[in-house]
Amino acid sequence: MGKEKQIEKKFRKKKKYSVDTIDEGKKKDIVSESYLQTVFRRFKRHKLALISLVIVVILGLAALFAPIIAPYDPNEMAGPFSGAPGKGFLLGTDQIGRDVFSRLLYAMRISLLVGIMATLISTVIGVILGLIAGYFGGVADMLIMRFTDMVMSFPYILLVLVAAAIFKPGLWSIILILGFVDWPGIARLVRGNVLNLRETNFIKGNLVAGMPLRHILFSEILPNTVAPILVYATSVLALSMLDEAALSFLGMGVQPPTASLGNMLNGAESLTVLTKQPWLWVPPGVVIVVLVMAINFIGDALRDALDPNSKG
């Protein structure tokens, strides 16, 4: 009995030692991993975000390679008028015989282009104004923030509709309108971060060392502000795509015959189309919903992954 107890005791000690060793190994791996690896590890916890990322990549690639994938030219009258889905026409044809599937691929291309370009424009404007306002303060801060408040005081959708009514409808008009309307939120976000960062020791150290202003703003402050900008940009991307769809649906955005998700839905104004020809409006409607939801899920996961206070 004594021998058995001794063997059991040794076994327990050995088991405990191996577990502790594994834990220490894991701790060392976590400590030694880079910031990007940490962010990716946190991002992987969000299963919905991973699925959403795959969906966005697949739809993005389908839109990018639309000329190769599409069976017909999007403006070609290739079949019967308002033909139901069937052989040769996966999603049927529209009122003038154009292939709905081909138009859907090109429409995704346009809507994604509008969303990405409008987001880039608004992000660049917002970042520059936020950096200037937050770092210099004083008169520059007051003027920029009062102008930002003025823009934000207008109802957003009304501002977009008025701008769309003033300028000639078209692809680049809608990109510029959305780009110049969506920047105030990013500007305020960047300004708040810069106000905190400029009081830190490493920024004061750069000032004492005589580093040029360009280096301090774009090499020291901006990289530490990228995370919240990236998260906010995902919401701007989703919102820009929805705005494009709404304006094109109303006839104030991308104009036919160019296909966009919004103007493909324009035909759904007819009661006949709504009730008897769902292939004309269900596919673009589903694509808009899926894309916007997927982008929002990715944004939520990025927010958690980039949060320095997040556990693990």
C-alpha atoms as a PDB file:
ATOM      1  CA  MET A   1       0.000   0.000   0.000  1.00  0.00           C
ATOM      2  CA  GLY A   2       2.863   2.359   0.879  1.00  0.00           C
ATOM      3  CA  LYS A   3       4.513   1.786  -2.517  1.00  0.00           C
ATOM      4  CA  GLU A   4       1.271   2.442  -4.363  1.00  0.00           C
ATOM      5  CA  LYS A   5       0.769   5.757  -2.531  1.00  0.00           C
ATOM      6  CA  GLN A   6       4.323   6.833  -3.358  1.00  0.00           C
ATOM      7  CA  ILE A   7       3.823   5.983  -7.063  1.00  0.00           C
ATOM      8  CA  GLU A   8       0.500   7.868  -7.100  1.00  0.00           C
ATOM      9  CA  LYS A   9       2.134  10.879  -5.421  1.00  0.00           C
ATOM     10  CA  LYS A  10       4.965  10.917  -7.980  1.00  0.00           C
ATOM     11  CA  PHE A  11       2.449  10.625 -10.836  1.00  0.00           C
ATOM     12  CA  ARG A  12       0.443  13.592  -9.523  1.00  0.00           C
ATOM     13  CA  LYS A  13       3.593  15.711  -9.190  1.00  0.00           C
ATOM     14  CA  LYS A  14       4.630  14.791 -12.730  1.00  0.00           C
ATOM     15  CA  LYS A  15       1.181  15.612 -14.102  1.00  0.00           C
ATOM     16  CA  LYS A  16       1.110  18.944 -12.283  1.00  0.00           C
ATOM     17  CA  TYR A  17       4.568  19.809 -13.569  1.00  0.00           C
ATOM     18  CA  SER A  18       3.579  19.095 -17.187  1.00  0.00           C
ATOM     19  CA  VAL A  19       0.409  21.231 -16.941  1.00  0.00           C
ATOM     20  CA  ASP A  20       2.358  24.111 -15.425  1.00  0.00           C
ATOM     21  CA  THR A  21       4.927  23.795 -18.176  1.00  0.00           C
ATOM     22  CA  ILE A  22       2.213  23.984 -20.863  1.00  0.00           C
ATOM     23  CA  ASP A  23       0.672  27.027 -19.191  1.00  0.00           C
ATOM     24  CA  GLU A  24       4.043  28.757 -19.076  1.00  0.00           C
ATOM     25  CA  GLY A  25       4.575  27.898 -22.744  1.00  0.00           C
ATOM     26  CA  LYS A  26       1.228  29.411 -23.662  1.00  0.00           C
ATOM     27  CA  LYS A  27       2.045  32.529 -21.677  1.00  0.00           C
ATOM     28  CA  LYS A  28       5.365  32.871 -23.492  1.00  0.00           C
ATOM     29  CA  ASP A  29       3.615  32.459 -26.887  1.00  0.00           C
ATOM     30  CA  ILE A  30       1.063  35.135 -26.007  1.00  0.00           C
ATOM     31  CA  VAL A  31       3.776  37.514 -24.786  1.00  0.00           C
ATOM     32  CA  SER A  32       5.958  36.956 -27.876  1.00  0.00           C
ATOM     33  CA  GLU A  33       3.186  37.342 -30.497  1.00  0.00           C
ATOM     34  CA  SER A  34       2.973  40.538 -32.522  1.00  0.00           C
ATOM     35  CA  TYR A  35       0.171  43.091 -32.302  1.00  0.00           C
ATOM     36  CA  LEU A  36      -1.370  41.894 -35.589  1.00  0.00           C
ATOM     37  CA  GLN A  37      -1.314  38.285 -34.361  1.00  0.00           C
ATOM     38  CA  THR A  38      -3.083  39.367 -31.167  1.00  0.00           C
ATOM     39  CA  VAL A  39      -5.725  41.229 -33.167  1.00  0.00           C
ATOM     40  CA  PHE A  40      -6.288  38.245 -35.484  1.00  0.00           C
ATOM     41  CA  ARG A  41      -6.517  35.849 -32.524  1.00  0.00           C
ATOM     42  CA  ARG A  42      -9.174  38.036 -30.912  1.00  0.00           C
ATOM     43  CA  PHE A  43     -10.988  38.489 -34.228  1.00  0.00           C
ATOM     44  CA  LYS A  44     -11.210  34.707 -34.740  1.00  0.00           C
ATOM     45  CA  ARG A  45     -13.354  34.397 -31.608  1.00  0.00           C
ATOM     46  CA  HIS A  46     -16.224  36.084 -33.465  1.00  0.00           C
ATOM     47  CA  LYS A  47     -17.620  33.317 -35.644  1.00  0.00           C
ATOM     48  CA  LEU A  48     -20.205  35.581 -37.273  1.00  0.00           C
ATOM     49  CA  ALA A  49     -17.471  38.031 -38.221  1.00  0.00           C
ATOM     50  CA  LEU A  50     -15.367  35.266 -39.794  1.00  0.00           C
ATOM     51  CA  ILE A  51     -18.362  34.054 -41.821  1.00  0.00           C
ATOM     52  CA  SER A  52     -19.120  37.672 -42.776  1.00  0.00           C
ATOM     53  CA  LEU A  53     -15.530  38.205 -43.896  1.00  0.00           C
ATOM     54  CA  VAL A  54     -15.733  35.140 -46.155  1.00  0.00           C
ATOM     55  CA  ILE A  55     -19.043  36.387 -47.611  1.00  0.00           C
ATOM     56  CA  VAL A  56     -17.656  39.884 -48.283  1.00  0.00           C
ATOM     57  CA  VAL A  57     -14.533  38.429 -49.928  1.00  0.00           C
ATOM     58  CA  ILE A  58     -16.614  36.088 -52.146  1.00  0.00           C
ATOM     59  CA  LEU A  59     -19.028  38.845 -53.203  1.00  0.00           C
ATOM     60  CA  GLY A  60     -16.143  41.282 -53.685  1.00  0.00           C
ATOM     61  CA  LEU A  61     -14.288  38.840 -55.943  1.00  0.00           C
ATOM     62  CA  ALA A  62     -17.492  38.105 -57.872  1.00  0.00           C
ATOM     63  CA  ALA A  63     -17.942  41.847 -58.444  1.00  0.00           C
ATOM     64  CA  LEU A  64     -14.278  42.342 -59.379  1.00  0.00           C
ATOM     65  CA  PHE A  65     -14.345  39.532 -61.934  1.00  0.00           C
ATOM     66  CA  ALA A  66     -17.845  40.362 -63.205  1.00  0.00           C
ATOM     67  CA  PRO A  67     -16.663  40.650 -66.868  1.00  0.00           C
ATOM     68  CA  ILE A  68     -15.399  37.049 -66.658  1.00  0.00           C
ATOM     69  CA  ILE A  69     -18.238  35.526 -64.602  1.00  0.00           C
ATOM     70  CA  ALA A  70     -21.233  37.297 -66.163  1.00  0.00           C
ATOM     71  CA  PRO A  71     -22.763  35.203 -68.971  1.00  0.00           C
ATOM     72  CA  TYR A  72     -24.051  38.299 -70.826  1.00  0.00           C
ATOM     73  CA  ASP A  73     -23.293  41.969 -71.212  1.00  0.00           C
ATOM     74  CA  PRO A  74     -25.307  43.795 -68.484  1.00  0.00           C
ATOM     75  CA  ASN A  75     -26.930  46.095 -71.067  1.00  0.00           C
ATOM     76  CA  GLU A  76     -27.564  43.446 -73.737  1.00  0.00           C
ATOM     77  CA  MET A  77     -31.151  42.432 -74.520  1.00  0.00           C
ATOM     78  CA  ALA A  78     -30.403  38.725 -74.332  1.00  0.00           C
ATOM     79  CA  GLY A  79     -33.768  37.097 -73.654  1.00  0.00           C
ATOM     80  CA  PRO A  80     -37.536  37.534 -73.374  1.00  0.00           C
ATOM     81  CA  PHE A  81     -38.999  40.518 -71.564  1.00  0.00           C
ATOM     82  CA  SER A  82     -39.508  39.859 -67.819  1.00  0.00           C
ATOM     83  CA  GLY A  83     -38.576  36.205 -68.285  1.00  0.00           C
ATOM     84  CA  ALA A  84     -38.685  33.987 -65.181  1.00  0.00           C
ATOM     85  CA  PRO A  85     -35.499  32.238 -63.957  1.00  0.00           C
ATOM     86  CA  GLY A  86     -34.745  29.181 -66.025  1.00  0.00           C
ATOM     87  CA  LYS A  87     -32.302  27.598 -68.433  1.00  0.00           C
ATOM     88  CA  GLY A  88     -29.786  30.154 -69.680  1.00  0.00           C
ATOM     89  CA  PHE A  89     -30.982  32.839 -67.264  1.00  0.00           C
ATOM     90  CA  LEU A  90     -30.185  31.955 -63.659  1.00  0.00           C
ATOM     91  CA  LEU A  91     -32.143  34.889 -62.182  1.00  0.00           C
ATOM     92  CA  GLY A  92     -34.414  35.587 -65.133  1.00  0.00           C
ATOM     93  CA  THR A  93     -34.518  38.731 -67.267  1.00  0.00           C
ATOM     94  CA  ASP A  94     -35.764  42.261 -66.615  1.00  0.00           C
ATOM     95  CA  GLN A  95     -38.480  44.284 -68.366  1.00  0.00           C
ATOM     96  CA  ILE A  96     -36.392  44.772 -71.522  1.00  0.00           C
ATOM     97  CA  GLY A  97     -34.793  41.314 -71.656  1.00  0.00           C
ATOM     98  CA  ARG A  98     -31.469  41.974 -69.905  1.00  0.00           C
ATOM     99  CA  ASP A  99     -29.980  39.146 -67.807  1.00  0.00           C
ATOM    100  CA  VAL A 100     -30.602  39.896 -64.108  1.00  0.00           C
ATOM    101  CA  PHE A 101     -27.644  37.799 -62.892  1.00  0.00           C
ATOM    102  CA  SER A 102     -25.175  39.677 -65.113  1.00  0.00           C
ATOM    103  CA  ARG A 103     -26.602  43.024 -64.025  1.00  0.00           C
ATOM    104  CA  LEU A 104     -26.437  41.958 -60.374  1.00  0.00           C
ATOM    105  CA  LEU A 105     -22.685  41.231 -60.641  1.00  0.00           C
ATOM    106  CA  TYR A 106     -22.017  44.624 -62.227  1.00  0.00           C
ATOM    107  CA  ALA A 107     -24.368  46.317 -59.739  1.00  0.00           C
ATOM    108  CA  MET A 108     -22.334  44.930 -56.810  1.00  0.00           C
ATOM    109  CA  ARG A 109     -19.243  46.329 -58.497  1.00  0.00           C
ATOM    110  CA  ILE A 110     -20.733  49.827 -58.661  1.00  0.00           C
ATOM    111  CA  SER A 111     -22.189  49.776 -55.142  1.00  0.00           C
ATOM    112  CA  LEU A 112     -18.923  48.536 -53.599  1.00  0.00           C
ATOM    113  CA  LEU A 113     -16.974  51.153 -55.571  1.00  0.00           C
ATOM    114  CA  VAL A 114     -19.259  53.911 -54.288  1.00  0.00           C
ATOM    115  CA  GLY A 115     -18.981  52.660 -50.699  1.00  0.00           C
ATOM    116  CA  ILE A 116     -15.182  52.245 -50.750  1.00  0.00           C
ATOM    117  CA  MET A 117     -14.405  55.535 -52.531  1.00  0.00           C
ATOM    118  CA  ALA A 118     -16.841  57.570 -50.406  1.00  0.00           C
ATOM    119  CA  THR A 119     -15.332  56.022 -47.257  1.00  0.00           C
ATOM    120  CA  LEU A 120     -11.781  56.837 -48.408  1.00  0.00           C
ATOM    121  CA  ILE A 121     -12.675  60.463 -49.174  1.00  0.00           C
ATOM    122  CA  SER A 122     -14.517  61.033 -45.891  1.00  0.00           C
ATOM    123  CA  THR A 123     -11.752  59.287 -43.909  1.00  0.00           C
ATOM    124  CA  VAL A 124      -8.974  61.401 -45.450  1.00  0.00           C
ATOM    125  CA  ILE A 125     -10.885  64.656 -44.861  1.00  0.00           C
ATOM    126  CA  GLY A 126     -11.896  63.671 -41.324  1.00  0.00           C
ATOM    127  CA  VAL A 127      -8.382  62.510 -40.344  1.00  0.00           C
ATOM    128  CA  ILE A 128      -6.660  65.670 -41.623  1.00  0.00           C
ATOM    129  CA  LEU A 129      -9.150  68.046 -39.980  1.00  0.00           C
ATOM    130  CA  GLY A 130      -9.160  65.997 -36.744  1.00  0.00           C
ATOM    131  CA  LEU A 131      -5.352  66.009 -36.553  1.00  0.00           C
ATOM    132  CA  ILE A 132      -5.175  69.775 -37.098  1.00  0.00           C
ATOM    133  CA  ALA A 133      -7.952  70.549 -34.605  1.00  0.00           C
ATOM    134  CA  GLY A 134      -6.668  68.198 -31.908  1.00  0.00           C
ATOM    135  CA  TYR A 135      -2.967  68.994 -32.141  1.00  0.00           C
ATOM    136  CA  PHE A 136      -2.964  72.769 -32.629  1.00  0.00           C
ATOM    137  CA  GLY A 137      -6.095  73.604 -30.627  1.00  0.00           C
ATOM    138  CA  GLY A 138      -6.970  77.277 -30.189  1.00  0.00           C
ATOM    139  CA  VAL A 139      -8.491  79.116 -33.148  1.00  0.00           C
ATOM    140  CA  ALA A 140      -7.946  76.217 -35.567  1.00  0.00           C
ATOM    141  CA  ASP A 141      -9.768  73.829 -33.240  1.00  0.00           C
ATOM    142  CA  MET A 142     -12.638  76.275 -32.692  1.00  0.00           C
ATOM    143  CA  LEU A 143     -13.154  76.969 -36.422  1.00  0.00           C
ATOM    144  CA  ILE A 144     -12.960  73.306 -37.488  1.00  0.00           C
ATOM    145  CA  MET A 145     -15.219  72.060 -34.696  1.00  0.00           C
ATOM    146  CA  ARG A 146     -17.834  74.780 -35.236  1.00  0.00           C
ATOM    147  CA  PHE A 147     -17.915  73.931 -38.950  1.00  0.00           C
ATOM    148  CA  THR A 148     -18.186  70.233 -38.033  1.00  0.00           C
ATOM    149  CA  ASP A 149     -21.071  70.993 -35.651  1.00  0.00           C
ATOM    150  CA  MET A 150     -22.803  73.007 -38.375  1.00  0.00           C
ATOM    151  CA  VAL A 151     -22.583  70.122 -40.872  1.00  0.00           C
ATOM    152  CA  MET A 152     -23.783  67.629 -38.252  1.00  0.00           C
ATOM    153  CA  SER A 153     -26.712  69.864 -37.274  1.00  0.00           C
ATOM    154  CA  PHE A 154     -28.403  69.279 -40.647  1.00  0.00           C
ATOM    155  CA  PRO A 155     -30.515  66.124 -40.962  1.00  0.00           C
ATOM    156  CA  TYR A 156     -28.159  63.683 -42.712  1.00  0.00           C
ATOM    157  CA  ILE A 157     -30.538  62.271 -45.305  1.00  0.00           C
ATOM    158  CA  LEU A 158     -31.887  65.758 -46.097  1.00  0.00           C
ATOM    159  CA  LEU A 159     -28.339  67.049 -46.670  1.00  0.00           C
ATOM    160  CA  VAL A 160     -27.596  64.144 -49.021  1.00  0.00           C
ATOM    161  CA  LEU A 161     -30.868  64.608 -50.945  1.00  0.00           C
ATOM    162  CA  VAL A 162     -30.334  68.370 -51.349  1.00  0.00           C
ATOM    163  CA  ALA A 163     -26.761  67.838 -52.565  1.00  0.00           C
ATOM    164  CA  ALA A 164     -27.917  65.120 -54.976  1.00  0.00           C
ATOM    165  CA  ALA A 165     -30.641  67.435 -56.318  1.00  0.00           C
ATOM    166  CA  ILE A 166     -28.159  70.313 -56.873  1.00  0.00           C
ATOM    167  CA  PHE A 167     -25.492  68.303 -58.704  1.00  0.00           C
ATOM    168  CA  LYS A 168     -26.010  66.250 -61.845  1.00  0.00           C
ATOM    169  CA  PRO A 169     -26.868  62.622 -60.893  1.00  0.00           C
ATOM    170  CA  GLY A 170     -24.153  60.094 -61.696  1.00  0.00           C
ATOM    171  CA  LEU A 171     -21.553  57.725 -60.289  1.00  0.00           C
ATOM    172  CA  TRP A 172     -18.856  60.233 -59.340  1.00  0.00           C
ATOM    173  CA  SER A 173     -21.385  62.814 -58.186  1.00  0.00           C
ATOM    174  CA  ILE A 174     -22.787  60.389 -55.612  1.00  0.00           C
ATOM    175  CA  ILE A 175     -19.268  59.316 -54.530  1.00  0.00           C
ATOM    176  CA  LEU A 176     -18.218  62.946 -53.914  1.00  0.00           C
ATOM    177  CA  ILE A 177     -21.495  63.853 -52.198  1.00  0.00           C
ATOM    178  CA  LEU A 178     -21.269  60.938 -49.754  1.00  0.00           C
ATOM    179  CA  GLY A 179     -17.535  61.497 -49.243  1.00  0.00           C
ATOM    180  CA  PHE A 180     -18.005  65.153 -48.317  1.00  0.00           C
ATOM    181  CA  VAL A 181     -20.982  64.474 -46.044  1.00  0.00           C
ATOM    182  CA  ASP A 182     -19.671  61.563 -43.951  1.00  0.00           C
ATOM    183  CA  TRP A 183     -16.426  63.119 -42.607  1.00  0.00           C
ATOM    184  CA  PRO A 184     -17.623  64.950 -39.406  1.00  0.00           C
ATOM    185  CA  GLY A 185     -17.878  61.797 -37.281  1.00  0.00           C
ATOM    186  CA  ILE A 186     -14.322  60.736 -38.147  1.00  0.00           C
ATOM    187  CA  ALA A 187     -13.010  64.273 -37.553  1.00  0.00           C
ATOM    188  CA  ARG A 188     -14.476  64.376 -34.036  1.00  0.00           C
ATOM    189  CA  LEU A 189     -13.180  60.878 -33.275  1.00  0.00           C
ATOM    190  CA  VAL A 190      -9.617  61.703 -34.399  1.00  0.00           C
ATOM    191  CA  ARG A 191      -9.629  65.051 -32.554  1.00  0.00           C
ATOM    192  CA  GLY A 192     -10.600  63.339 -29.278  1.00  0.00           C
ATOM    193  CA  ASN A 193      -7.790  60.791 -29.637  1.00  0.00           C
ATOM    194  CA  VAL A 194      -5.213  63.452 -30.555  1.00  0.00           C
ATOM    195  CA  LEU A 195      -6.142  65.563 -27.517  1.00  0.00           C
ATOM    196  CA  ASN A 196      -5.254  62.592 -25.301  1.00  0.00           C
ATOM    197  CA  LEU A 197      -2.115  61.589 -27.202  1.00  0.00           C
ATOM    198  CA  ARG A 198      -0.495  65.028 -27.371  1.00  0.00           C
ATOM    199  CA  GLU A 199      -0.203  65.089 -23.561  1.00  0.00           C
ATOM    200  CA  THR A 200       1.639  61.758 -23.386  1.00  0.00           C
ATOM    201  CA  ASN A 201       5.345  61.535 -22.582  1.00  0.00           C
ATOM    202  CA  PHE A 202       6.422  60.057 -25.916  1.00  0.00           C
ATOM    203  CA  ILE A 203       4.922  63.015 -27.839  1.00  0.00           C
ATOM    204  CA  LYS A 204       6.507  65.519 -25.441  1.00  0.00           C
ATOM    205  CA  GLY A 205       9.791  63.640 -25.848  1.00  0.00           C
ATOM    206  CA  ASN A 206       9.563  64.068 -29.641  1.00  0.00           C
ATOM    207  CA  LEU A 207       8.944  67.801 -29.206  1.00  0.00           C
ATOM    208  CA  VAL A 208      11.949  68.153 -26.910  1.00  0.00           C
ATOM    209  CA  ALA A 209      14.076  66.181 -29.393  1.00  0.00           C
ATOM    210  CA  GLY A 210      13.106  68.691 -32.100  1.00  0.00           C
ATOM    211  CA  MET A 211      11.342  66.192 -34.372  1.00  0.00           C
ATOM    212  CA  PRO A 212       9.524  67.797 -37.343  1.00  0.00           C
ATOM    213  CA  LEU A 213       5.781  68.315 -37.093  1.00  0.00           C
ATOM    214  CA  ARG A 214       5.156  65.971 -40.040  1.00  0.00           C
ATOM    215  CA  HIS A 215       6.895  63.137 -38.182  1.00  0.00           C
ATOM    216  CA  ILE A 216       4.968  63.755 -34.948  1.00  0.00           C
ATOM    217  CA  LEU A 217       1.561  63.891 -36.656  1.00  0.00           C
ATOM    218  CA  PHE A 218       1.907  61.093 -39.195  1.00  0.00           C
ATOM    219  CA  SER A 219       4.488  58.772 -37.622  1.00  0.00           C
ATOM    220  CA  GLU A 220       3.662  59.046 -33.926  1.00  0.00           C
ATOM    221  CA  ILE A 221       0.081  60.247 -33.417  1.00  0.00           C
ATOM    222  CA  LEU A 222      -1.719  58.852 -36.490  1.00  0.00           C
ATOM    223  CA  PRO A 223      -0.592  55.180 -36.059  1.00  0.00           C
ATOM    224  CA  ASN A 224      -1.997  55.261 -32.514  1.00  0.00           C
ATOM    225  CA  THR A 225      -5.334  56.482 -33.883  1.00  0.00           C
ATOM    226  CA  VAL A 226      -5.701  53.943 -36.708  1.00  0.00           C
ATOM    227  CA  ALA A 227      -7.700  51.387 -34.684  1.00  0.00           C
ATOM    228  CA  PRO A 228     -10.762  53.599 -33.928  1.00  0.00           C
ATOM    229  CA  ILE A 229     -10.603  55.078 -37.450  1.00  0.00           C
ATOM    230  CA  LEU A 230     -10.694  51.593 -38.982  1.00  0.00           C
ATOM    231  CA  VAL A 231     -13.685  50.562 -36.875  1.00  0.00           C
ATOM    232  CA  TYR A 232     -15.592  53.756 -37.661  1.00  0.00           C
ATOM    233  CA  ALA A 233     -14.772  53.418 -41.385  1.00  0.00           C
ATOM    234  CA  THR A 234     -16.610  50.080 -41.561  1.00  0.00           C
ATOM    235  CA  SER A 235     -19.827  51.756 -40.418  1.00  0.00           C
ATOM    236  CA  VAL A 236     -19.288  54.576 -42.960  1.00  0.00           C
ATOM    237  CA  LEU A 237     -18.787  51.951 -45.702  1.00  0.00           C
ATOM    238  CA  ALA A 238     -22.069  50.213 -44.862  1.00  0.00           C
ATOM    239  CA  LEU A 239     -23.917  53.540 -44.583  1.00  0.00           C
ATOM    240  CA  SER A 240     -22.515  54.785 -47.920  1.00  0.00           C
ATOM    241  CA  MET A 241     -23.729  51.647 -49.691  1.00  0.00           C
ATOM    242  CA  LEU A 242     -27.201  52.066 -48.201  1.00  0.00           C
ATOM    243  CA  ASP A 243     -27.265  55.752 -49.175  1.00  0.00           C
ATOM    244  CA  GLU A 244     -26.239  54.924 -52.746  1.00  0.00           C
ATOM    245  CA  ALA A 245     -28.995  52.318 -52.953  1.00  0.00           C
ATOM    246  CA  ALA A 246     -31.568  54.779 -51.595  1.00  0.00           C
ATOM    247  CA  LEU A 247     -30.559  57.620 -53.941  1.00  0.00           C
ATOM    248  CA  SER A 248     -30.389  55.343 -56.989  1.00  0.00           C
ATOM    249  CA  PHE A 249     -33.796  53.902 -56.078  1.00  0.00           C
ATOM    250  CA  LEU A 250     -35.179  57.462 -56.068  1.00  0.00           C
ATOM    251  CA  GLY A 251     -33.507  58.202 -59.424  1.00  0.00           C
ATOM    252  CA  MET A 252     -30.981  60.668 -57.940  1.00  0.00           C
ATOM    253  CA  GLY A 253     -27.926  58.393 -57.863  1.00  0.00           C
ATOM    254  CA  VAL A 254     -26.350  56.083 -60.448  1.00  0.00           C
ATOM    255  CA  GLN A 255     -28.328  56.460 -63.657  1.00  0.00           C
ATOM    256  CA  PRO A 256     -29.519  53.674 -66.006  1.00  0.00           C
ATOM    257  CA  PRO A 257     -28.390  51.842 -68.053  1.00  0.00           C
ATOM    258  CA  THR A 258     -25.494  51.509 -65.557  1.00  0.00           C
ATOM    259  CA  ALA A 259     -26.566  48.857 -63.067  1.00  0.00           C
ATOM    260  CA  SER A 260     -26.437  49.478 -59.315  1.00  0.00           C
ATOM    261  CA  LEU A 261     -28.224  47.674 -56.513  1.00  0.00           C
ATOM    262  CA  GLY A 262     -30.377  50.749 -55.938  1.00  0.00           C
ATOM    263  CA  ASN A 263     -31.620  51.305 -59.483  1.00  0.00           C
ATOM    264  CA  MET A 264     -32.246  47.549 -59.899  1.00  0.00           C
ATOM    265  CA  LEU A 265     -34.735  47.930 -57.048  1.00  0.00           C
ATOM    266  CA  ASN A 266     -36.351  50.876 -58.816  1.00  0.00           C
ATOM    267  CA  GLY A 267     -38.524  48.517 -60.847  1.00  0.00           C
ATOM    268  CA  ALA A 268     -40.063  47.213 -57.628  1.00  0.00           C
ATOM    269  CA  GLU A 269     -42.172  50.374 -57.403  1.00  0.00           C
ATOM    270  CA  SER A 270     -44.676  48.584 -59.632  1.00  0.00           C
ATOM    271  CA  LEU A 271     -47.238  46.388 -57.847  1.00  0.00           C
ATOM    272  CA  THR A 272     -47.029  43.856 -60.678  1.00  0.00           C
ATOM    273  CA  VAL A 273     -43.277  43.459 -60.189  1.00  0.00           C
ATOM    274  CA  LEU A 274     -43.633  43.202 -56.423  1.00  0.00           C
ATOM    275  CA  THR A 275     -46.228  40.458 -56.568  1.00  0.00           C
ATOM    276  CA  LYS A 276     -45.575  38.543 -59.794  1.00  0.00           C
ATOM    277  CA  GLN A 277     -41.898  39.122 -60.698  1.00  0.00           C
ATOM    278  CA  PRO A 278     -39.886  38.776 -57.462  1.00  0.00           C
ATOM    279  CA  TRP A 279     -36.704  37.803 -59.363  1.00  0.00           C
ATOM    280  CA  LEU A 280     -36.382  41.471 -60.371  1.00  0.00           C
ATOM    281  CA  TRP A 281     -36.108  42.863 -56.831  1.00  0.00           C
ATOM    282  CA  VAL A 282     -35.362  40.020 -54.390  1.00  0.00           C
ATOM    283  CA  PRO A 283     -31.727  39.336 -55.541  1.00  0.00           C
ATOM    284  CA  PRO A 284     -30.505  42.983 -55.287  1.00  0.00           C
ATOM    285  CA  GLY A 285     -32.426  43.433 -52.023  1.00  0.00           C
ATOM    286  CA  VAL A 286     -30.868  40.314 -50.494  1.00  0.00           C
ATOM    287  CA  VAL A 287     -27.368  41.335 -51.644  1.00  0.00           C
ATOM    288  CA  ILE A 288     -27.710  44.795 -50.037  1.00  0.00           C
ATOM    289  CA  VAL A 289     -28.916  43.311 -46.736  1.00  0.00           C
ATOM    290  CA  VAL A 290     -26.212  40.624 -46.685  1.00  0.00           C
ATOM    291  CA  LEU A 291     -23.383  43.046 -47.541  1.00  0.00           C
ATOM    292  CA  VAL A 292     -24.415  45.682 -44.997  1.00  0.00           C
ATOM    293  CA  MET A 293     -24.947  43.141 -42.219  1.00  0.00           C
ATOM    294  CA  ALA A 294     -21.629  41.402 -42.988  1.00  0.00           C
ATOM    295  CA  ILE A 295     -19.703  44.693 -42.938  1.00  0.00           C
ATOM    296  CA  ASN A 296     -21.326  45.659 -39.624  1.00  0.00           C
ATOM    297  CA  PHE A 297     -20.453  42.276 -38.071  1.00  0.00           C
ATOM    298  CA  ILE A 298     -16.836  42.716 -39.217  1.00  0.00           C
ATOM    299  CA  GLY A 299     -16.787  46.210 -37.714  1.00  0.00           C
ATOM    300  CA  ASP A 300     -18.087  44.943 -34.358  1.00  0.00           C
ATOM    301  CA  ALA A 301     -15.434  42.210 -34.270  1.00  0.00           C
ATOM    302  CA  LEU A 302     -12.687  44.676 -35.200  1.00  0.00           C
ATOM    303  CA  ARG A 303     -13.775  46.979 -32.393  1.00  0.00           C
ATOM    304  CA  ASP A 304     -13.348  44.181 -29.853  1.00  0.00           C
ATOM    305  CA  ALA A 305     -10.123  42.880 -31.418  1.00  0.00           C
ATOM    306  CA  LEU A 306      -8.453  46.307 -31.523  1.00  0.00           C
ATOM    307  CA  ASP A 307      -9.555  47.307 -28.027  1.00  0.00           C
ATOM    308  CA  PRO A 308      -6.394  47.406 -25.828  1.00  0.00           C
ATOM    309  CA  ASN A 309      -8.513  46.673 -22.746  1.00  0.00           C
ATOM    310  CA  SER A 310      -9.964  43.500 -24.269  1.00  0.00           C
ATOM    311  CA  LYS A 311      -9.123  40.326 -22.334  1.00  0.00           C
ATOM    312  CA  GLY A 312      -6.956  37.681 -24.005  1.00  0.00           C
END
